[in-house]
Amino acid sequence: MKNIANVNIDNLKFNISDLKENFSFKNYILNVSNNAFGHGIKLIKYLNDEFQYVYTNNFQDVLNIKKYNHKIKIIYSGSITEDNIYDLVLNDVIMVIKSKDIMDFILGLKIKDKFEIIFSIDK
């Protein structure tokens, strides 16, 4: 049996607006990992200017986000492989690089297109 979540878009937008009124930040990032935690990625098609970025760690989410809102910037922290790197670059996804080995892997591909990264170092 599939679980279904009903989300009231007007209430969601009100809550986002209320958050922005109480906390003034330059950018807002919406975490939509794992199909927006089961609520459905398609919710982002209703969010036009509420968020500057969405974040996910799931590559399938990246493809679905672009399907529903091609303008929003995506920050992706999932696995970066030969199978997905070109899709990430062509979809203008900001990639979170978690190790020097991954950075070396990407540089070794000699990708000519411009792309953005966030270099995250834990240690």
PDB file of N, CA and C in Angstrom:
ATOM      1  N   MET A   1       0.830  -1.162   0.000  1.00  0.00           N
ATOM      2  CA  MET A   1       0.000   0.000   0.000  1.00  0.00           C
ATOM      3  C   MET A   1       0.890   1.246   0.000  1.00  0.00           C
ATOM      4  N   LYS A   2       0.574   2.205  -0.855  1.00  0.00           N
ATOM      5  CA  LYS A   2       1.351   3.421  -0.987  1.00  0.00           C
ATOM      6  C   LYS A   2       0.788   4.503  -0.064  1.00  0.00           C
ATOM      7  N   ASN A   3       1.680   5.141   0.683  1.00  0.00           N
ATOM      8  CA  ASN A   3       1.269   6.249   1.540  1.00  0.00           C
ATOM      9  C   ASN A   3       1.149   7.518   0.714  1.00  0.00           C
ATOM     10  N   ILE A   4       0.151   8.309   0.998  1.00  0.00           N
ATOM     11  CA  ILE A   4      -0.067   9.560   0.287  1.00  0.00           C
ATOM     12  C   ILE A   4      -0.144  10.689   1.301  1.00  0.00           C
ATOM     13  N   ALA A   5       0.583  11.762   1.027  1.00  0.00           N
ATOM     14  CA  ALA A   5       0.542  12.948   1.890  1.00  0.00           C
ATOM     15  C   ALA A   5      -0.161  14.068   1.141  1.00  0.00           C
ATOM     16  N   ASN A   6      -1.155  14.650   1.758  1.00  0.00           N
ATOM     17  CA  ASN A   6      -1.824  15.815   1.183  1.00  0.00           C
ATOM     18  C   ASN A   6      -1.182  17.064   1.763  1.00  0.00           C
ATOM     19  N   VAL A   7      -0.705  17.938   0.885  1.00  0.00           N
ATOM     20  CA  VAL A   7      -0.045  19.155   1.319  1.00  0.00           C
ATOM     21  C   VAL A   7      -0.837  20.342   0.796  1.00  0.00           C
ATOM     22  N   ASN A   8      -1.210  21.239   1.690  1.00  0.00           N
ATOM     23  CA  ASN A   8      -1.908  22.450   1.304  1.00  0.00           C
ATOM     24  C   ASN A   8      -0.860  23.478   0.876  1.00  0.00           C
ATOM     25  N   ILE A   9      -0.797  23.779  -0.416  1.00  0.00           N
ATOM     26  CA  ILE A   9       0.228  24.664  -0.970  1.00  0.00           C
ATOM     27  C   ILE A   9       0.128  26.069  -0.371  1.00  0.00           C
ATOM     28  N   ASP A  10      -1.086  26.577  -0.187  1.00  0.00           N
ATOM     29  CA  ASP A  10      -1.244  27.915   0.400  1.00  0.00           C
ATOM     30  C   ASP A  10      -0.671  27.958   1.821  1.00  0.00           C
ATOM     31  N   ASN A  11      -0.935  26.916   2.599  1.00  0.00           N
ATOM     32  CA  ASN A  11      -0.377  26.857   3.958  1.00  0.00           C
ATOM     33  C   ASN A  11       1.143  26.750   3.922  1.00  0.00           C
ATOM     34  N   LEU A  12       1.659  25.964   2.982  1.00  0.00           N
ATOM     35  CA  LEU A  12       3.105  25.813   2.856  1.00  0.00           C
ATOM     36  C   LEU A  12       3.751  27.158   2.524  1.00  0.00           C
ATOM     37  N   LYS A  13       3.163  27.889   1.562  1.00  0.00           N
ATOM     38  CA  LYS A  13       3.698  29.199   1.192  1.00  0.00           C
ATOM     39  C   LYS A  13       3.595  30.197   2.348  1.00  0.00           C
ATOM     40  N   PHE A  14       2.497  30.138   3.107  1.00  0.00           N
ATOM     41  CA  PHE A  14       2.359  31.007   4.273  1.00  0.00           C
ATOM     42  C   PHE A  14       3.453  30.707   5.291  1.00  0.00           C
ATOM     43  N   ASN A  15       3.705  29.433   5.553  1.00  0.00           N
ATOM     44  CA  ASN A  15       4.738  29.047   6.527  1.00  0.00           C
ATOM     45  C   ASN A  15       6.117  29.498   6.069  1.00  0.00           C
ATOM     46  N   ILE A  16       6.376  29.397   4.775  1.00  0.00           N
ATOM     47  CA  ILE A  16       7.659  29.851   4.239  1.00  0.00           C
ATOM     48  C   ILE A  16       7.781  31.367   4.399  1.00  0.00           C
ATOM     49  N   SER A  17       6.724  32.084   4.074  1.00  0.00           N
ATOM     50  CA  SER A  17       6.711  33.542   4.212  1.00  0.00           C
ATOM     51  C   SER A  17       6.923  33.953   5.659  1.00  0.00           C
ATOM     52  N   ASP A  18       6.273  33.258   6.571  1.00  0.00           N
ATOM     53  CA  ASP A  18       6.414  33.538   7.995  1.00  0.00           C
ATOM     54  C   ASP A  18       7.860  33.291   8.449  1.00  0.00           C
ATOM     55  N   LEU A  19       8.455  32.241   7.980  1.00  0.00           N
ATOM     56  CA  LEU A  19       9.850  31.926   8.295  1.00  0.00           C
ATOM     57  C   LEU A  19      10.762  33.051   7.823  1.00  0.00           C
ATOM     58  N   LYS A  20      10.544  33.530   6.609  1.00  0.00           N
ATOM     59  CA  LYS A  20      11.384  34.598   6.053  1.00  0.00           C
ATOM     60  C   LYS A  20      11.199  35.915   6.798  1.00  0.00           C
ATOM     61  N   GLU A  21      10.005  36.177   7.283  1.00  0.00           N
ATOM     62  CA  GLU A  21       9.768  37.399   8.048  1.00  0.00           C
ATOM     63  C   GLU A  21      10.500  37.371   9.382  1.00  0.00           C
ATOM     64  N   ASN A  22      10.634  36.191   9.967  1.00  0.00           N
ATOM     65  CA  ASN A  22      11.251  36.066  11.285  1.00  0.00           C
ATOM     66  C   ASN A  22      12.751  35.820  11.249  1.00  0.00           C
ATOM     67  N   PHE A  23      13.272  35.350  10.115  1.00  0.00           N
ATOM     68  CA  PHE A  23      14.691  35.057   9.975  1.00  0.00           C
ATOM     69  C   PHE A  23      15.171  35.616   8.644  1.00  0.00           C
ATOM     70  N   SER A  24      16.016  36.612   8.714  1.00  0.00           N
ATOM     71  CA  SER A  24      16.481  37.273   7.498  1.00  0.00           C
ATOM     72  C   SER A  24      17.832  36.700   7.074  1.00  0.00           C
ATOM     73  N   PHE A  25      17.819  35.877   6.045  1.00  0.00           N
ATOM     74  CA  PHE A  25      19.031  35.305   5.479  1.00  0.00           C
ATOM     75  C   PHE A  25      19.118  35.687   4.011  1.00  0.00           C
ATOM     76  N   LYS A  26      20.312  35.663   3.479  1.00  0.00           N
ATOM     77  CA  LYS A  26      20.494  35.994   2.065  1.00  0.00           C
ATOM     78  C   LYS A  26      19.885  34.921   1.174  1.00  0.00           C
ATOM     79  N   ASN A  27      20.090  33.657   1.504  1.00  0.00           N
ATOM     80  CA  ASN A  27      19.588  32.545   0.702  1.00  0.00           C
ATOM     81  C   ASN A  27      18.872  31.538   1.582  1.00  0.00           C
ATOM     82  N   TYR A  28      17.902  30.894   0.981  1.00  0.00           N
ATOM     83  CA  TYR A  28      17.160  29.829   1.648  1.00  0.00           C
ATOM     84  C   TYR A  28      17.301  28.560   0.823  1.00  0.00           C
ATOM     85  N   ILE A  29      17.589  27.459   1.505  1.00  0.00           N
ATOM     86  CA  ILE A  29      17.794  26.168   0.853  1.00  0.00           C
ATOM     87  C   ILE A  29      16.751  25.201   1.383  1.00  0.00           C
ATOM     88  N   LEU A  30      16.010  24.584   0.457  1.00  0.00           N
ATOM     89  CA  LEU A  30      14.991  23.609   0.830  1.00  0.00           C
ATOM     90  C   LEU A  30      15.538  22.203   0.615  1.00  0.00           C
ATOM     91  N   ASN A  31      15.564  21.413   1.673  1.00  0.00           N
ATOM     92  CA  ASN A  31      16.021  20.026   1.568  1.00  0.00           C
ATOM     93  C   ASN A  31      14.877  19.166   1.032  1.00  0.00           C
ATOM     94  N   VAL A  32      15.064  18.612  -0.167  1.00  0.00           N
ATOM     95  CA  VAL A  32      14.041  17.768  -0.790  1.00  0.00           C
ATOM     96  C   VAL A  32      14.560  16.343  -1.013  1.00  0.00           C
ATOM     97  N   SER A  33      15.516  15.928  -0.208  1.00  0.00           N
ATOM     98  CA  SER A  33      16.093  14.588  -0.358  1.00  0.00           C
ATOM     99  C   SER A  33      15.033  13.506  -0.263  1.00  0.00           C
ATOM    100  N   ASN A  34      15.275  12.439  -0.990  1.00  0.00           N
ATOM    101  CA  ASN A  34      14.420  11.249  -0.970  1.00  0.00           C
ATOM    102  C   ASN A  34      12.956  11.570  -1.251  1.00  0.00           C
ATOM    103  N   ASN A  35      12.767  12.220  -2.420  1.00  0.00           N
ATOM    104  CA  ASN A  35      11.423  12.549  -2.889  1.00  0.00           C
ATOM    105  C   ASN A  35      10.694  13.448  -1.891  1.00  0.00           C
ATOM    106  N   ALA A  36      11.435  14.468  -1.414  1.00  0.00           N
ATOM    107  CA  ALA A  36      10.899  15.426  -0.429  1.00  0.00           C
ATOM    108  C   ALA A  36      10.351  14.697   0.796  1.00  0.00           C
ATOM    109  N   PHE A  37      11.146  13.747   1.262  1.00  0.00           N
ATOM    110  CA  PHE A  37      10.798  12.960   2.445  1.00  0.00           C
ATOM    111  C   PHE A  37       9.441  12.287   2.296  1.00  0.00           C
ATOM    112  N   GLY A  38       9.181  11.832   1.071  1.00  0.00           N
ATOM    113  CA  GLY A  38       7.959  11.099   0.796  1.00  0.00           C
ATOM    114  C   GLY A  38       6.768  11.974   0.439  1.00  0.00           C
ATOM    115  N   HIS A  39       6.929  13.278   0.468  1.00  0.00           N
ATOM    116  CA  HIS A  39       5.819  14.183   0.134  1.00  0.00           C
ATOM    117  C   HIS A  39       5.700  14.441  -1.359  1.00  0.00           C
ATOM    118  N   GLY A  40       6.728  14.128  -2.105  1.00  0.00           N
ATOM    119  CA  GLY A  40       6.686  14.282  -3.557  1.00  0.00           C
ATOM    120  C   GLY A  40       7.452  15.500  -4.045  1.00  0.00           C
ATOM    121  N   ILE A  41       8.430  15.256  -4.886  1.00  0.00           N
ATOM    122  CA  ILE A  41       9.249  16.318  -5.454  1.00  0.00           C
ATOM    123  C   ILE A  41       8.401  17.324  -6.231  1.00  0.00           C
ATOM    124  N   LYS A  42       7.289  16.873  -6.792  1.00  0.00           N
ATOM    125  CA  LYS A  42       6.509  17.795  -7.626  1.00  0.00           C
ATOM    126  C   LYS A  42       5.997  19.003  -6.860  1.00  0.00           C
ATOM    127  N   LEU A  43       6.103  18.981  -5.529  1.00  0.00           N
ATOM    128  CA  LEU A  43       5.732  20.153  -4.739  1.00  0.00           C
ATOM    129  C   LEU A  43       6.535  21.385  -5.135  1.00  0.00           C
ATOM    130  N   ILE A  44       7.755  21.201  -5.606  1.00  0.00           N
ATOM    131  CA  ILE A  44       8.582  22.365  -5.911  1.00  0.00           C
ATOM    132  C   ILE A  44       8.075  23.149  -7.117  1.00  0.00           C
ATOM    133  N   LYS A  45       7.209  22.561  -7.917  1.00  0.00           N
ATOM    134  CA  LYS A  45       6.677  23.330  -9.046  1.00  0.00           C
ATOM    135  C   LYS A  45       5.817  24.491  -8.566  1.00  0.00           C
ATOM    136  N   TYR A  46       5.358  24.451  -7.322  1.00  0.00           N
ATOM    137  CA  TYR A  46       4.549  25.521  -6.757  1.00  0.00           C
ATOM    138  C   TYR A  46       5.387  26.579  -6.043  1.00  0.00           C
ATOM    139  N   LEU A  47       6.666  26.306  -5.878  1.00  0.00           N
ATOM    140  CA  LEU A  47       7.555  27.213  -5.159  1.00  0.00           C
ATOM    141  C   LEU A  47       8.426  27.955  -6.167  1.00  0.00           C
ATOM    142  N   ASN A  48       8.026  29.146  -6.512  1.00  0.00           N
ATOM    143  CA  ASN A  48       8.732  29.884  -7.554  1.00  0.00           C
ATOM    144  C   ASN A  48       9.934  30.645  -7.021  1.00  0.00           C
ATOM    145  N   ASP A  49       9.705  31.599  -6.152  1.00  0.00           N
ATOM    146  CA  ASP A  49      10.798  32.417  -5.644  1.00  0.00           C
ATOM    147  C   ASP A  49      11.026  32.224  -4.148  1.00  0.00           C
ATOM    148  N   GLU A  50      10.368  31.264  -3.571  1.00  0.00           N
ATOM    149  CA  GLU A  50      10.476  31.083  -2.118  1.00  0.00           C
ATOM    150  C   GLU A  50      11.870  30.596  -1.698  1.00  0.00           C
ATOM    151  N   PHE A  51      12.521  29.831  -2.555  1.00  0.00           N
ATOM    152  CA  PHE A  51      13.841  29.299  -2.236  1.00  0.00           C
ATOM    153  C   PHE A  51      14.789  29.551  -3.399  1.00  0.00           C
ATOM    154  N   GLN A  52      16.028  29.886  -3.078  1.00  0.00           N
ATOM    155  CA  GLN A  52      17.034  30.080  -4.116  1.00  0.00           C
ATOM    156  C   GLN A  52      17.669  28.752  -4.528  1.00  0.00           C
ATOM    157  N   TYR A  53      17.655  27.793  -3.606  1.00  0.00           N
ATOM    158  CA  TYR A  53      18.290  26.501  -3.852  1.00  0.00           C
ATOM    159  C   TYR A  53      17.439  25.380  -3.269  1.00  0.00           C
ATOM    160  N   VAL A  54      17.564  24.212  -3.876  1.00  0.00           N
ATOM    161  CA  VAL A  54      17.080  22.994  -3.243  1.00  0.00           C
ATOM    162  C   VAL A  54      18.278  22.074  -3.077  1.00  0.00           C
ATOM    163  N   TYR A  55      18.207  21.246  -2.057  1.00  0.00           N
ATOM    164  CA  TYR A  55      19.296  20.331  -1.730  1.00  0.00           C
ATOM    165  C   TYR A  55      18.773  18.906  -1.769  1.00  0.00           C
ATOM    166  N   THR A  56      19.585  18.017  -2.332  1.00  0.00           N
ATOM    167  CA  THR A  56      19.268  16.592  -2.274  1.00  0.00           C
ATOM    168  C   THR A  56      20.558  15.784  -2.282  1.00  0.00           C
ATOM    169  N   ASN A  57      20.453  14.581  -1.789  1.00  0.00           N
ATOM    170  CA  ASN A  57      21.568  13.643  -1.850  1.00  0.00           C
ATOM    171  C   ASN A  57      21.217  12.447  -2.741  1.00  0.00           C
ATOM    172  N   ASN A  58      20.145  12.593  -3.511  1.00  0.00           N
ATOM    173  CA  ASN A  58      19.636  11.495  -4.333  1.00  0.00           C
ATOM    174  C   ASN A  58      19.626  11.929  -5.804  1.00  0.00           C
ATOM    175  N   PHE A  59      20.334  11.184  -6.656  1.00  0.00           N
ATOM    176  CA  PHE A  59      20.446  11.567  -8.065  1.00  0.00           C
ATOM    177  C   PHE A  59      19.097  11.555  -8.780  1.00  0.00           C
ATOM    178  N   GLN A  60      18.233  10.607  -8.477  1.00  0.00           N
ATOM    179  CA  GLN A  60      16.910  10.575  -9.111  1.00  0.00           C
ATOM    180  C   GLN A  60      16.110  11.834  -8.775  1.00  0.00           C
ATOM    181  N   ASP A  61      16.303  12.344  -7.553  1.00  0.00           N
ATOM    182  CA  ASP A  61      15.657  13.602  -7.172  1.00  0.00           C
ATOM    183  C   ASP A  61      16.103  14.742  -8.091  1.00  0.00           C
ATOM    184  N   VAL A  62      17.387  14.769  -8.439  1.00  0.00           N
ATOM    185  CA  VAL A  62      17.905  15.822  -9.325  1.00  0.00           C
ATOM    186  C   VAL A  62      17.122  15.833 -10.632  1.00  0.00           C
ATOM    187  N   LEU A  63      16.948  14.664 -11.229  1.00  0.00           N
ATOM    188  CA  LEU A  63      16.232  14.575 -12.499  1.00  0.00           C
ATOM    189  C   LEU A  63      14.777  14.994 -12.354  1.00  0.00           C
ATOM    190  N   ASN A  64      14.156  14.599 -11.254  1.00  0.00           N
ATOM    191  CA  ASN A  64      12.757  14.975 -11.019  1.00  0.00           C
ATOM    192  C   ASN A  64      12.602  16.469 -10.728  1.00  0.00           C
ATOM    193  N   ILE A  65      13.544  17.044 -10.004  1.00  0.00           N
ATOM    194  CA  ILE A  65      13.494  18.478  -9.723  1.00  0.00           C
ATOM    195  C   ILE A  65      13.511  19.257 -11.031  1.00  0.00           C
ATOM    196  N   LYS A  66      14.402  18.889 -11.928  1.00  0.00           N
ATOM    197  CA  LYS A  66      14.507  19.585 -13.217  1.00  0.00           C
ATOM    198  C   LYS A  66      13.229  19.419 -14.042  1.00  0.00           C
ATOM    199  N   LYS A  67      12.546  18.309 -13.846  1.00  0.00           N
ATOM    200  CA  LYS A  67      11.294  18.082 -14.566  1.00  0.00           C
ATOM    201  C   LYS A  67      10.202  19.045 -14.086  1.00  0.00           C
ATOM    202  N   TYR A  68      10.177  19.334 -12.797  1.00  0.00           N
ATOM    203  CA  TYR A  68       9.111  20.149 -12.223  1.00  0.00           C
ATOM    204  C   TYR A  68       9.460  21.631 -12.081  1.00  0.00           C
ATOM    205  N   ASN A  69      10.746  21.958 -11.988  1.00  0.00           N
ATOM    206  CA  ASN A  69      11.156  23.353 -11.853  1.00  0.00           C
ATOM    207  C   ASN A  69      12.569  23.472 -12.405  1.00  0.00           C
ATOM    208  N   HIS A  70      12.675  23.818 -13.678  1.00  0.00           N
ATOM    209  CA  HIS A  70      13.984  23.829 -14.327  1.00  0.00           C
ATOM    210  C   HIS A  70      14.822  25.057 -13.971  1.00  0.00           C
ATOM    211  N   LYS A  71      14.232  26.052 -13.298  1.00  0.00           N
ATOM    212  CA  LYS A  71      14.968  27.280 -12.971  1.00  0.00           C
ATOM    213  C   LYS A  71      15.720  27.208 -11.648  1.00  0.00           C
ATOM    214  N   ILE A  72      15.221  26.440 -10.715  1.00  0.00           N
ATOM    215  CA  ILE A  72      15.801  26.443  -9.373  1.00  0.00           C
ATOM    216  C   ILE A  72      17.173  25.770  -9.374  1.00  0.00           C
ATOM    217  N   LYS A  73      18.101  26.332  -8.591  1.00  0.00           N
ATOM    218  CA  LYS A  73      19.438  25.767  -8.482  1.00  0.00           C
ATOM    219  C   LYS A  73      19.404  24.578  -7.518  1.00  0.00           C
ATOM    220  N   ILE A  74      20.156  23.540  -7.872  1.00  0.00           N
ATOM    221  CA  ILE A  74      20.199  22.312  -7.074  1.00  0.00           C
ATOM    222  C   ILE A  74      21.595  22.133  -6.494  1.00  0.00           C
ATOM    223  N   ILE A  75      21.634  21.824  -5.203  1.00  0.00           N
ATOM    224  CA  ILE A  75      22.873  21.416  -4.544  1.00  0.00           C
ATOM    225  C   ILE A  75      22.760  19.919  -4.313  1.00  0.00           C
ATOM    226  N   TYR A  76      23.722  19.161  -4.844  1.00  0.00           N
ATOM    227  CA  TYR A  76      23.680  17.697  -4.791  1.00  0.00           C
ATOM    228  C   TYR A  76      24.882  17.180  -4.020  1.00  0.00           C
ATOM    229  N   SER A  77      24.620  16.363  -2.991  1.00  0.00           N
ATOM    230  CA  SER A  77      25.714  15.813  -2.189  1.00  0.00           C
ATOM    231  C   SER A  77      25.786  14.294  -2.241  1.00  0.00           C
ATOM    232  N   GLY A  78      25.145  13.709  -3.227  1.00  0.00           N
ATOM    233  CA  GLY A  78      25.202  12.256  -3.359  1.00  0.00           C
ATOM    234  C   GLY A  78      26.452  11.798  -4.084  1.00  0.00           C
ATOM    235  N   SER A  79      26.462  10.548  -4.452  1.00  0.00           N
ATOM    236  CA  SER A  79      27.608   9.967  -5.156  1.00  0.00           C
ATOM    237  C   SER A  79      27.789  10.606  -6.522  1.00  0.00           C
ATOM    238  N   ILE A  80      29.033  10.860  -6.859  1.00  0.00           N
ATOM    239  CA  ILE A  80      29.373  11.386  -8.178  1.00  0.00           C
ATOM    240  C   ILE A  80      30.156  10.291  -8.899  1.00  0.00           C
ATOM    241  N   THR A  81      29.589   9.834 -10.013  1.00  0.00           N
ATOM    242  CA  THR A  81      30.161   8.707 -10.743  1.00  0.00           C
ATOM    243  C   THR A  81      30.253   9.041 -12.224  1.00  0.00           C
ATOM    244  N   GLU A  82      30.908   8.166 -12.965  1.00  0.00           N
ATOM    245  CA  GLU A  82      30.950   8.332 -14.423  1.00  0.00           C
ATOM    246  C   GLU A  82      29.556   8.273 -15.022  1.00  0.00           C
ATOM    247  N   ASP A  83      28.644   7.565 -14.363  1.00  0.00           N
ATOM    248  CA  ASP A  83      27.277   7.432 -14.875  1.00  0.00           C
ATOM    249  C   ASP A  83      26.441   8.695 -14.716  1.00  0.00           C
ATOM    250  N   ASN A  84      26.773   9.565 -13.716  1.00  0.00           N
ATOM    251  CA  ASN A  84      25.918  10.729 -13.502  1.00  0.00           C
ATOM    252  C   ASN A  84      26.605  12.083 -13.645  1.00  0.00           C
ATOM    253  N   ILE A  85      27.917  12.114 -13.712  1.00  0.00           N
ATOM    254  CA  ILE A  85      28.631  13.387 -13.707  1.00  0.00           C
ATOM    255  C   ILE A  85      28.202  14.317 -14.844  1.00  0.00           C
ATOM    256  N   TYR A  86      28.010  13.763 -16.037  1.00  0.00           N
ATOM    257  CA  TYR A  86      27.659  14.621 -17.171  1.00  0.00           C
ATOM    258  C   TYR A  86      26.226  15.148 -17.056  1.00  0.00           C
ATOM    259  N   ASP A  87      25.326  14.349 -16.507  1.00  0.00           N
ATOM    260  CA  ASP A  87      23.963  14.835 -16.251  1.00  0.00           C
ATOM    261  C   ASP A  87      23.985  15.960 -15.218  1.00  0.00           C
ATOM    262  N   LEU A  88      24.819  15.822 -14.206  1.00  0.00           N
ATOM    263  CA  LEU A  88      24.923  16.857 -13.184  1.00  0.00           C
ATOM    264  C   LEU A  88      25.457  18.159 -13.784  1.00  0.00           C
ATOM    265  N   VAL A  89      26.483  18.054 -14.608  1.00  0.00           N
ATOM    266  CA  VAL A  89      27.065  19.243 -15.230  1.00  0.00           C
ATOM    267  C   VAL A  89      26.078  19.887 -16.201  1.00  0.00           C
ATOM    268  N   LEU A  90      25.476  19.080 -17.062  1.00  0.00           N
ATOM    269  CA  LEU A  90      24.556  19.628 -18.066  1.00  0.00           C
ATOM    270  C   LEU A  90      23.294  20.241 -17.451  1.00  0.00           C
ATOM    271  N   ASN A  91      22.912  19.766 -16.267  1.00  0.00           N
ATOM    272  CA  ASN A  91      21.746  20.321 -15.573  1.00  0.00           C
ATOM    273  C   ASN A  91      22.117  21.441 -14.607  1.00  0.00           C
ATOM    274  N   ASP A  92      23.377  21.902 -14.683  1.00  0.00           N
ATOM    275  CA  ASP A  92      23.832  23.042 -13.891  1.00  0.00           C
ATOM    276  C   ASP A  92      23.658  22.815 -12.396  1.00  0.00           C
ATOM    277  N   VAL A  93      23.989  21.609 -11.948  1.00  0.00           N
ATOM    278  CA  VAL A  93      23.852  21.220 -10.540  1.00  0.00           C
ATOM    279  C   VAL A  93      25.143  21.562  -9.800  1.00  0.00           C
ATOM    280  N   ILE A  94      24.998  22.145  -8.621  1.00  0.00           N
ATOM    281  CA  ILE A  94      26.147  22.421  -7.762  1.00  0.00           C
ATOM    282  C   ILE A  94      26.475  21.118  -7.026  1.00  0.00           C
ATOM    283  N   MET A  95      27.678  20.609  -7.239  1.00  0.00           N
ATOM    284  CA  MET A  95      28.067  19.320  -6.654  1.00  0.00           C
ATOM    285  C   MET A  95      28.877  19.528  -5.378  1.00  0.00           C
ATOM    286  N   VAL A  96      28.542  18.764  -4.353  1.00  0.00           N
ATOM    287  CA  VAL A  96      29.303  18.790  -3.110  1.00  0.00           C
ATOM    288  C   VAL A  96      30.387  17.720  -3.222  1.00  0.00           C
ATOM    289  N   ILE A  97      31.633  18.166  -3.197  1.00  0.00           N
ATOM    290  CA  ILE A  97      32.785  17.276  -3.301  1.00  0.00           C
ATOM    291  C   ILE A  97      33.273  16.990  -1.887  1.00  0.00           C
ATOM    292  N   LYS A  98      33.300  15.704  -1.525  1.00  0.00           N
ATOM    293  CA  LYS A  98      33.604  15.335  -0.141  1.00  0.00           C
ATOM    294  C   LYS A  98      35.012  14.785   0.059  1.00  0.00           C
ATOM    295  N   SER A  99      35.761  14.637  -1.034  1.00  0.00           N
ATOM    296  CA  SER A  99      37.112  14.117  -0.870  1.00  0.00           C
ATOM    297  C   SER A  99      37.995  14.562  -2.028  1.00  0.00           C
ATOM    298  N   LYS A 100      39.288  14.542  -1.777  1.00  0.00           N
ATOM    299  CA  LYS A 100      40.253  14.870  -2.820  1.00  0.00           C
ATOM    300  C   LYS A 100      40.182  13.844  -3.953  1.00  0.00           C
ATOM    301  N   ASP A 101      39.901  12.596  -3.618  1.00  0.00           N
ATOM    302  CA  ASP A 101      39.806  11.553  -4.649  1.00  0.00           C
ATOM    303  C   ASP A 101      38.688  11.858  -5.649  1.00  0.00           C
ATOM    304  N   ILE A 102      37.547  12.310  -5.163  1.00  0.00           N
ATOM    305  CA  ILE A 102      36.443  12.658  -6.067  1.00  0.00           C
ATOM    306  C   ILE A 102      36.823  13.876  -6.910  1.00  0.00           C
ATOM    307  N   MET A 103      37.488  14.859  -6.289  1.00  0.00           N
ATOM    308  CA  MET A 103      37.928  16.030  -7.045  1.00  0.00           C
ATOM    309  C   MET A 103      38.910  15.618  -8.129  1.00  0.00           C
ATOM    310  N   ASP A 104      39.852  14.748  -7.800  1.00  0.00           N
ATOM    311  CA  ASP A 104      40.810  14.254  -8.789  1.00  0.00           C
ATOM    312  C   ASP A 104      40.104  13.488  -9.905  1.00  0.00           C
ATOM    313  N   PHE A 105      39.103  12.698  -9.550  1.00  0.00           N
ATOM    314  CA  PHE A 105      38.318  11.962 -10.543  1.00  0.00           C
ATOM    315  C   PHE A 105      37.661  12.931 -11.534  1.00  0.00           C
ATOM    316  N   ILE A 106      37.022  13.984 -10.998  1.00  0.00           N
ATOM    317  CA  ILE A 106      36.340  14.961 -11.855  1.00  0.00           C
ATOM    318  C   ILE A 106      37.347  15.700 -12.735  1.00  0.00           C
ATOM    319  N   LEU A 107      38.457  16.126 -12.149  1.00  0.00           N
ATOM    320  CA  LEU A 107      39.475  16.826 -12.928  1.00  0.00           C
ATOM    321  C   LEU A 107      40.056  15.922 -14.021  1.00  0.00           C
ATOM    322  N   GLY A 108      40.160  14.631 -13.726  1.00  0.00           N
ATOM    323  CA  GLY A 108      40.675  13.675 -14.702  1.00  0.00           C
ATOM    324  C   GLY A 108      39.777  13.504 -15.917  1.00  0.00           C
ATOM    325  N   LEU A 109      38.517  13.830 -15.773  1.00  0.00           N
ATOM    326  CA  LEU A 109      37.583  13.729 -16.905  1.00  0.00           C
ATOM    327  C   LEU A 109      37.761  14.869 -17.908  1.00  0.00           C
ATOM    328  N   LYS A 110      38.453  15.928 -17.477  1.00  0.00           N
ATOM    329  CA  LYS A 110      38.717  17.094 -18.343  1.00  0.00           C
ATOM    330  C   LYS A 110      37.434  17.649 -18.969  1.00  0.00           C
ATOM    331  N   ILE A 111      36.457  17.872 -18.132  1.00  0.00           N
ATOM    332  CA  ILE A 111      35.167  18.406 -18.576  1.00  0.00           C
ATOM    333  C   ILE A 111      35.359  19.858 -19.015  1.00  0.00           C
ATOM    334  N   LYS A 112      34.901  20.178 -20.193  1.00  0.00           N
ATOM    335  CA  LYS A 112      35.073  21.523 -20.764  1.00  0.00           C
ATOM    336  C   LYS A 112      34.001  22.504 -20.293  1.00  0.00           C
ATOM    337  N   ASP A 113      32.819  21.997 -19.945  1.00  0.00           N
ATOM    338  CA  ASP A 113      31.730  22.867 -19.505  1.00  0.00           C
ATOM    339  C   ASP A 113      32.032  23.444 -18.123  1.00  0.00           C
ATOM    340  N   LYS A 114      31.460  24.622 -17.851  1.00  0.00           N
ATOM    341  CA  LYS A 114      31.586  25.214 -16.525  1.00  0.00           C
ATOM    342  C   LYS A 114      30.659  24.484 -15.559  1.00  0.00           C
ATOM    343  N   PHE A 115      31.111  24.326 -14.333  1.00  0.00           N
ATOM    344  CA  PHE A 115      30.263  23.756 -13.290  1.00  0.00           C
ATOM    345  C   PHE A 115      30.706  24.294 -11.944  1.00  0.00           C
ATOM    346  N   GLU A 116      29.779  24.237 -10.983  1.00  0.00           N
ATOM    347  CA  GLU A 116      30.051  24.738  -9.638  1.00  0.00           C
ATOM    348  C   GLU A 116      30.195  23.575  -8.666  1.00  0.00           C
ATOM    349  N   ILE A 117      31.076  23.779  -7.687  1.00  0.00           N
ATOM    350  CA  ILE A 117      31.254  22.781  -6.633  1.00  0.00           C
ATOM    351  C   ILE A 117      31.260  23.473  -5.269  1.00  0.00           C
ATOM    352  N   ILE A 118      30.942  22.688  -4.275  1.00  0.00           N
ATOM    353  CA  ILE A 118      31.175  23.049  -2.879  1.00  0.00           C
ATOM    354  C   ILE A 118      32.134  21.986  -2.370  1.00  0.00           C
ATOM    355  N   PHE A 119      33.276  22.397  -1.910  1.00  0.00           N
ATOM    356  CA  PHE A 119      34.262  21.439  -1.405  1.00  0.00           C
ATOM    357  C   PHE A 119      34.054  21.304   0.087  1.00  0.00           C
ATOM    358  N   SER A 120      33.589  20.142   0.542  1.00  0.00           N
ATOM    359  CA  SER A 120      33.266  19.893   1.944  1.00  0.00           C
ATOM    360  C   SER A 120      34.331  18.987   2.560  1.00  0.00           C
ATOM    361  N   ILE A 121      35.014  19.509   3.537  1.00  0.00           N
ATOM    362  CA  ILE A 121      36.076  18.746   4.194  1.00  0.00           C
ATOM    363  C   ILE A 121      35.658  18.484   5.633  1.00  0.00           C
ATOM    364  N   ASP A 122      35.595  17.216   6.010  1.00  0.00           N
ATOM    365  CA  ASP A 122      35.176  16.858   7.369  1.00  0.00           C
ATOM    366  C   ASP A 122      36.336  16.868   8.361  1.00  0.00           C
ATOM    367  N   LYS A 123      37.513  16.546   7.901  1.00  0.00           N
ATOM    368  CA  LYS A 123      38.633  16.400   8.826  1.00  0.00           C
ATOM    369  C   LYS A 123      39.672  17.466   8.607  1.00  0.00           C
TER     370      LYS A 123
END
